[in-house]
Amino acid sequence: MILYTCGQKTHGPGFAHPCAKAGKALDAAGYEYEIKTVGGYRLALWTWGTRTADREEVKRLSGTNEVPILVLDDGEVISGSGTIAKWAREHPHSPAKFGA
């Protein structure tokens, strides 16, 4: 599985940033996953000029250029931190680690 983020997956508490929330939910559910960092962070004004090109793959996969998105091994795409966190809670890979 691949988690597309803006690069904030490991920075700050999960409630502070959507990409961190998604990554921390997958971690808590016991998943190993690849991280693909995409450019064009919304609050970084200097990235606005390249945002569309930087997020072309994300747009193709999900229909939007917003991250985080999670691409499962079967190709299913889950968009948004809340949806990813809910999916991780409902599909724990390692139940013994979940909620710990």
N, C-alpha and C. Protein backbone atom coordinates (compact mmCIF):
# COMPACT_ATOMS: atom_id res chain seq x y z
N MET A 1 0.84 -1.17 0.00
CA MET A 1 0.00 0.00 0.00
C MET A 1 0.88 1.24 0.00
N ILE A 2 0.33 2.30 -0.54
CA ILE A 2 1.08 3.55 -0.67
C ILE A 2 0.27 4.69 -0.05
N LEU A 3 0.90 5.44 0.83
CA LEU A 3 0.29 6.62 1.41
C LEU A 3 0.93 7.84 0.76
N TYR A 4 0.12 8.62 0.07
CA TYR A 4 0.59 9.86 -0.55
C TYR A 4 0.36 10.98 0.46
N THR A 5 1.43 11.72 0.77
CA THR A 5 1.34 12.80 1.74
C THR A 5 2.07 14.04 1.23
N CYS A 6 1.94 15.10 1.97
CA CYS A 6 2.66 16.34 1.66
C CYS A 6 4.00 16.39 2.38
N GLY A 7 4.36 15.31 3.04
CA GLY A 7 5.63 15.27 3.75
C GLY A 7 5.52 15.49 5.24
N GLN A 8 4.32 15.65 5.74
CA GLN A 8 4.12 15.92 7.15
C GLN A 8 3.76 14.67 7.94
N LYS A 9 3.93 13.49 7.39
CA LYS A 9 3.50 12.24 8.02
C LYS A 9 4.07 12.06 9.41
N THR A 10 5.31 12.43 9.62
CA THR A 10 5.94 12.17 10.91
C THR A 10 6.10 13.41 11.77
N HIS A 11 5.52 14.51 11.35
CA HIS A 11 5.70 15.76 12.09
C HIS A 11 4.45 16.10 12.89
N GLY A 12 4.63 16.26 14.17
CA GLY A 12 3.54 16.73 15.00
C GLY A 12 2.53 15.64 15.34
N PRO A 13 1.62 15.99 16.21
CA PRO A 13 0.58 15.04 16.61
C PRO A 13 -0.41 14.81 15.47
N GLY A 14 -1.01 13.64 15.46
CA GLY A 14 -1.93 13.28 14.39
C GLY A 14 -3.12 14.20 14.25
N PHE A 15 -3.54 14.84 15.33
CA PHE A 15 -4.69 15.74 15.23
C PHE A 15 -4.31 17.07 14.60
N ALA A 16 -3.01 17.35 14.49
CA ALA A 16 -2.56 18.65 14.01
C ALA A 16 -2.46 18.74 12.49
N HIS A 17 -2.31 17.62 11.81
CA HIS A 17 -2.11 17.65 10.37
C HIS A 17 -2.75 16.42 9.74
N PRO A 18 -3.51 16.59 8.67
CA PRO A 18 -4.19 15.45 8.05
C PRO A 18 -3.24 14.32 7.63
N CYS A 19 -2.10 14.64 7.06
CA CYS A 19 -1.17 13.59 6.63
C CYS A 19 -0.62 12.83 7.83
N ALA A 20 -0.36 13.53 8.93
CA ALA A 20 0.10 12.86 10.15
C ALA A 20 -1.00 11.98 10.73
N LYS A 21 -2.23 12.45 10.69
CA LYS A 21 -3.36 11.67 11.19
C LYS A 21 -3.48 10.36 10.44
N ALA A 22 -3.37 10.40 9.12
CA ALA A 22 -3.48 9.18 8.30
C ALA A 22 -2.33 8.23 8.60
N GLY A 23 -1.12 8.75 8.64
CA GLY A 23 0.04 7.90 8.90
C GLY A 23 0.01 7.28 10.28
N LYS A 24 -0.38 8.05 11.27
CA LYS A 24 -0.42 7.53 12.64
C LYS A 24 -1.52 6.47 12.78
N ALA A 25 -2.64 6.62 12.06
CA ALA A 25 -3.71 5.62 12.11
C ALA A 25 -3.23 4.30 11.49
N LEU A 26 -2.51 4.39 10.38
CA LEU A 26 -1.97 3.17 9.75
C LEU A 26 -0.93 2.52 10.65
N ASP A 27 -0.10 3.34 11.28
CA ASP A 27 0.90 2.81 12.21
C ASP A 27 0.21 2.07 13.36
N ALA A 28 -0.82 2.69 13.94
CA ALA A 28 -1.52 2.10 15.07
C ALA A 28 -2.21 0.80 14.69
N ALA A 29 -2.62 0.68 13.43
CA ALA A 29 -3.30 -0.53 12.96
C ALA A 29 -2.30 -1.61 12.54
N GLY A 30 -1.00 -1.31 12.64
CA GLY A 30 0.02 -2.31 12.37
C GLY A 30 0.43 -2.47 10.92
N TYR A 31 0.18 -1.46 10.10
CA TYR A 31 0.53 -1.56 8.68
C TYR A 31 1.94 -1.06 8.39
N GLU A 32 2.57 -1.71 7.43
CA GLU A 32 3.78 -1.20 6.80
C GLU A 32 3.34 -0.70 5.44
N TYR A 33 3.84 0.44 5.03
CA TYR A 33 3.39 1.05 3.79
C TYR A 33 4.49 1.94 3.23
N GLU A 34 4.40 2.17 1.96
CA GLU A 34 5.32 3.08 1.29
C GLU A 34 4.75 4.49 1.40
N ILE A 35 5.62 5.46 1.57
CA ILE A 35 5.19 6.86 1.59
C ILE A 35 5.69 7.52 0.32
N LYS A 36 4.77 8.18 -0.38
CA LYS A 36 5.14 8.99 -1.53
C LYS A 36 4.81 10.43 -1.17
N THR A 37 5.84 11.25 -1.10
CA THR A 37 5.66 12.65 -0.78
C THR A 37 5.46 13.44 -2.07
N VAL A 38 4.43 14.26 -2.07
CA VAL A 38 4.16 15.09 -3.24
C VAL A 38 4.35 16.55 -2.85
N GLY A 39 4.77 17.34 -3.81
CA GLY A 39 4.98 18.77 -3.58
C GLY A 39 3.68 19.53 -3.65
N GLY A 40 3.79 20.82 -3.54
CA GLY A 40 2.62 21.68 -3.67
C GLY A 40 1.85 21.88 -2.39
N TYR A 41 2.56 21.94 -1.28
CA TYR A 41 1.91 22.14 0.01
C TYR A 41 1.11 23.44 -0.03
N ARG A 42 -0.17 23.35 0.33
CA ARG A 42 -1.12 24.45 0.19
C ARG A 42 -0.68 25.72 0.92
N LEU A 43 -0.08 25.61 2.08
CA LEU A 43 0.27 26.80 2.86
C LEU A 43 1.64 27.37 2.51
N ALA A 44 2.37 26.70 1.62
CA ALA A 44 3.67 27.20 1.19
C ALA A 44 3.48 27.94 -0.14
N LEU A 45 3.39 29.23 -0.06
CA LEU A 45 3.08 30.04 -1.24
C LEU A 45 4.03 29.77 -2.40
N TRP A 46 5.29 29.48 -2.12
CA TRP A 46 6.27 29.27 -3.18
C TRP A 46 6.02 27.97 -3.95
N THR A 47 5.12 27.10 -3.48
CA THR A 47 4.83 25.85 -4.19
C THR A 47 3.59 25.95 -5.06
N TRP A 48 2.86 27.04 -4.98
CA TRP A 48 1.61 27.15 -5.71
C TRP A 48 1.79 27.03 -7.22
N GLY A 49 2.88 27.53 -7.74
CA GLY A 49 3.12 27.50 -9.18
C GLY A 49 3.30 26.10 -9.74
N THR A 50 3.75 25.16 -8.91
CA THR A 50 3.98 23.79 -9.39
C THR A 50 3.01 22.78 -8.80
N ARG A 51 2.04 23.26 -8.02
CA ARG A 51 1.12 22.35 -7.32
C ARG A 51 0.40 21.39 -8.27
N THR A 52 -0.12 21.89 -9.37
CA THR A 52 -0.86 21.04 -10.31
C THR A 52 0.04 19.94 -10.87
N ALA A 53 1.22 20.29 -11.30
CA ALA A 53 2.15 19.29 -11.86
C ALA A 53 2.63 18.33 -10.78
N ASP A 54 2.92 18.84 -9.60
CA ASP A 54 3.43 18.01 -8.51
C ASP A 54 2.41 16.97 -8.06
N ARG A 55 1.14 17.29 -8.21
CA ARG A 55 0.09 16.40 -7.71
C ARG A 55 -0.72 15.73 -8.82
N GLU A 56 -0.15 15.68 -10.00
CA GLU A 56 -0.83 15.08 -11.15
C GLU A 56 -1.20 13.61 -10.88
N GLU A 57 -0.28 12.84 -10.33
CA GLU A 57 -0.55 11.43 -10.04
C GLU A 57 -1.67 11.27 -9.01
N VAL A 58 -1.65 12.10 -7.98
CA VAL A 58 -2.69 12.07 -6.95
C VAL A 58 -4.05 12.36 -7.59
N LYS A 59 -4.11 13.36 -8.45
CA LYS A 59 -5.36 13.73 -9.14
C LYS A 59 -5.85 12.58 -10.01
N ARG A 60 -4.95 11.92 -10.72
CA ARG A 60 -5.31 10.80 -11.58
C ARG A 60 -5.89 9.65 -10.74
N LEU A 61 -5.31 9.40 -9.59
CA LEU A 61 -5.73 8.29 -8.74
C LEU A 61 -7.04 8.56 -8.01
N SER A 62 -7.20 9.80 -7.52
CA SER A 62 -8.31 10.08 -6.60
C SER A 62 -9.35 11.06 -7.13
N GLY A 63 -9.03 11.76 -8.20
CA GLY A 63 -9.96 12.77 -8.71
C GLY A 63 -9.79 14.13 -8.07
N THR A 64 -8.89 14.23 -7.11
CA THR A 64 -8.60 15.50 -6.44
C THR A 64 -7.09 15.61 -6.26
N ASN A 65 -6.61 16.82 -6.06
CA ASN A 65 -5.16 16.96 -5.83
C ASN A 65 -4.82 17.07 -4.35
N GLU A 66 -5.80 16.78 -3.50
CA GLU A 66 -5.58 16.87 -2.05
C GLU A 66 -5.01 15.56 -1.51
N VAL A 67 -4.13 15.67 -0.54
CA VAL A 67 -3.58 14.52 0.16
C VAL A 67 -3.96 14.65 1.63
N PRO A 68 -4.01 13.57 2.37
CA PRO A 68 -3.48 12.26 2.05
C PRO A 68 -4.47 11.41 1.26
N ILE A 69 -3.90 10.49 0.46
CA ILE A 69 -4.67 9.41 -0.11
C ILE A 69 -3.90 8.12 0.14
N LEU A 70 -4.65 7.04 0.27
CA LEU A 70 -4.06 5.73 0.49
C LEU A 70 -4.47 4.85 -0.68
N VAL A 71 -3.47 4.22 -1.32
CA VAL A 71 -3.75 3.29 -2.41
C VAL A 71 -3.44 1.89 -1.88
N LEU A 72 -4.48 1.08 -1.79
CA LEU A 72 -4.33 -0.28 -1.29
C LEU A 72 -3.69 -1.17 -2.35
N ASP A 73 -3.23 -2.33 -1.94
CA ASP A 73 -2.55 -3.24 -2.86
C ASP A 73 -3.44 -3.68 -4.00
N ASP A 74 -4.77 -3.69 -3.80
CA ASP A 74 -5.68 -4.10 -4.87
C ASP A 74 -6.08 -2.93 -5.77
N GLY A 75 -5.50 -1.74 -5.52
CA GLY A 75 -5.76 -0.56 -6.34
C GLY A 75 -6.84 0.35 -5.81
N GLU A 76 -7.57 -0.07 -4.77
CA GLU A 76 -8.59 0.79 -4.18
C GLU A 76 -7.94 2.04 -3.61
N VAL A 77 -8.58 3.18 -3.81
CA VAL A 77 -8.06 4.46 -3.32
C VAL A 77 -8.97 4.98 -2.22
N ILE A 78 -8.37 5.35 -1.11
CA ILE A 78 -9.09 5.92 0.02
C ILE A 78 -8.56 7.34 0.20
N SER A 79 -9.45 8.31 0.14
CA SER A 79 -9.06 9.73 0.18
C SER A 79 -9.45 10.37 1.50
N GLY A 80 -8.56 11.19 2.01
CA GLY A 80 -8.85 11.98 3.21
C GLY A 80 -8.41 11.32 4.49
N SER A 81 -7.91 12.12 5.41
CA SER A 81 -7.35 11.59 6.65
C SER A 81 -8.38 10.88 7.50
N GLY A 82 -9.58 11.44 7.61
CA GLY A 82 -10.62 10.81 8.42
C GLY A 82 -11.06 9.47 7.85
N THR A 83 -11.18 9.40 6.54
CA THR A 83 -11.58 8.16 5.88
C THR A 83 -10.49 7.10 6.00
N ILE A 84 -9.24 7.52 5.86
CA ILE A 84 -8.11 6.60 6.01
C ILE A 84 -8.05 6.09 7.45
N ALA A 85 -8.20 6.99 8.42
CA ALA A 85 -8.16 6.58 9.83
C ALA A 85 -9.30 5.61 10.14
N LYS A 86 -10.49 5.88 9.62
CA LYS A 86 -11.63 4.99 9.84
C LYS A 86 -11.35 3.61 9.22
N TRP A 87 -10.84 3.60 7.99
CA TRP A 87 -10.51 2.33 7.33
C TRP A 87 -9.50 1.55 8.16
N ALA A 88 -8.47 2.23 8.66
CA ALA A 88 -7.43 1.56 9.46
C ALA A 88 -8.01 0.96 10.74
N ARG A 89 -8.91 1.69 11.40
CA ARG A 89 -9.56 1.17 12.61
C ARG A 89 -10.41 -0.06 12.30
N GLU A 90 -11.09 -0.03 11.16
CA GLU A 90 -12.00 -1.12 10.80
C GLU A 90 -11.28 -2.33 10.19
N HIS A 91 -10.03 -2.14 9.76
CA HIS A 91 -9.26 -3.21 9.12
C HIS A 91 -7.86 -3.31 9.74
N PRO A 92 -7.77 -3.52 11.03
CA PRO A 92 -6.43 -3.59 11.65
C PRO A 92 -5.64 -4.77 11.10
N HIS A 93 -4.40 -4.50 10.77
CA HIS A 93 -3.52 -5.53 10.26
C HIS A 93 -2.97 -6.37 11.39
N SER A 94 -2.78 -5.71 12.51
CA SER A 94 -2.20 -6.38 13.67
C SER A 94 -3.04 -6.01 14.89
N PRO A 95 -4.15 -6.73 15.11
CA PRO A 95 -5.09 -6.36 16.18
C PRO A 95 -4.44 -6.18 17.55
N ALA A 96 -3.38 -6.92 17.84
CA ALA A 96 -2.73 -6.80 19.16
C ALA A 96 -2.13 -5.42 19.35
N LYS A 97 -1.66 -4.76 18.24
CA LYS A 97 -1.07 -3.43 18.34
C LYS A 97 -2.12 -2.34 18.33
N PHE A 98 -3.29 -2.61 17.76
CA PHE A 98 -4.30 -1.57 17.59
C PHE A 98 -4.82 -1.10 18.94
N GLY A 99 -4.86 0.20 19.09
CA GLY A 99 -5.37 0.80 20.31
C GLY A 99 -4.35 0.83 21.43
N ALA A 100 -3.16 0.36 21.16
CA ALA A 100 -2.13 0.33 22.20
C ALA A 100 -1.48 1.68 22.36
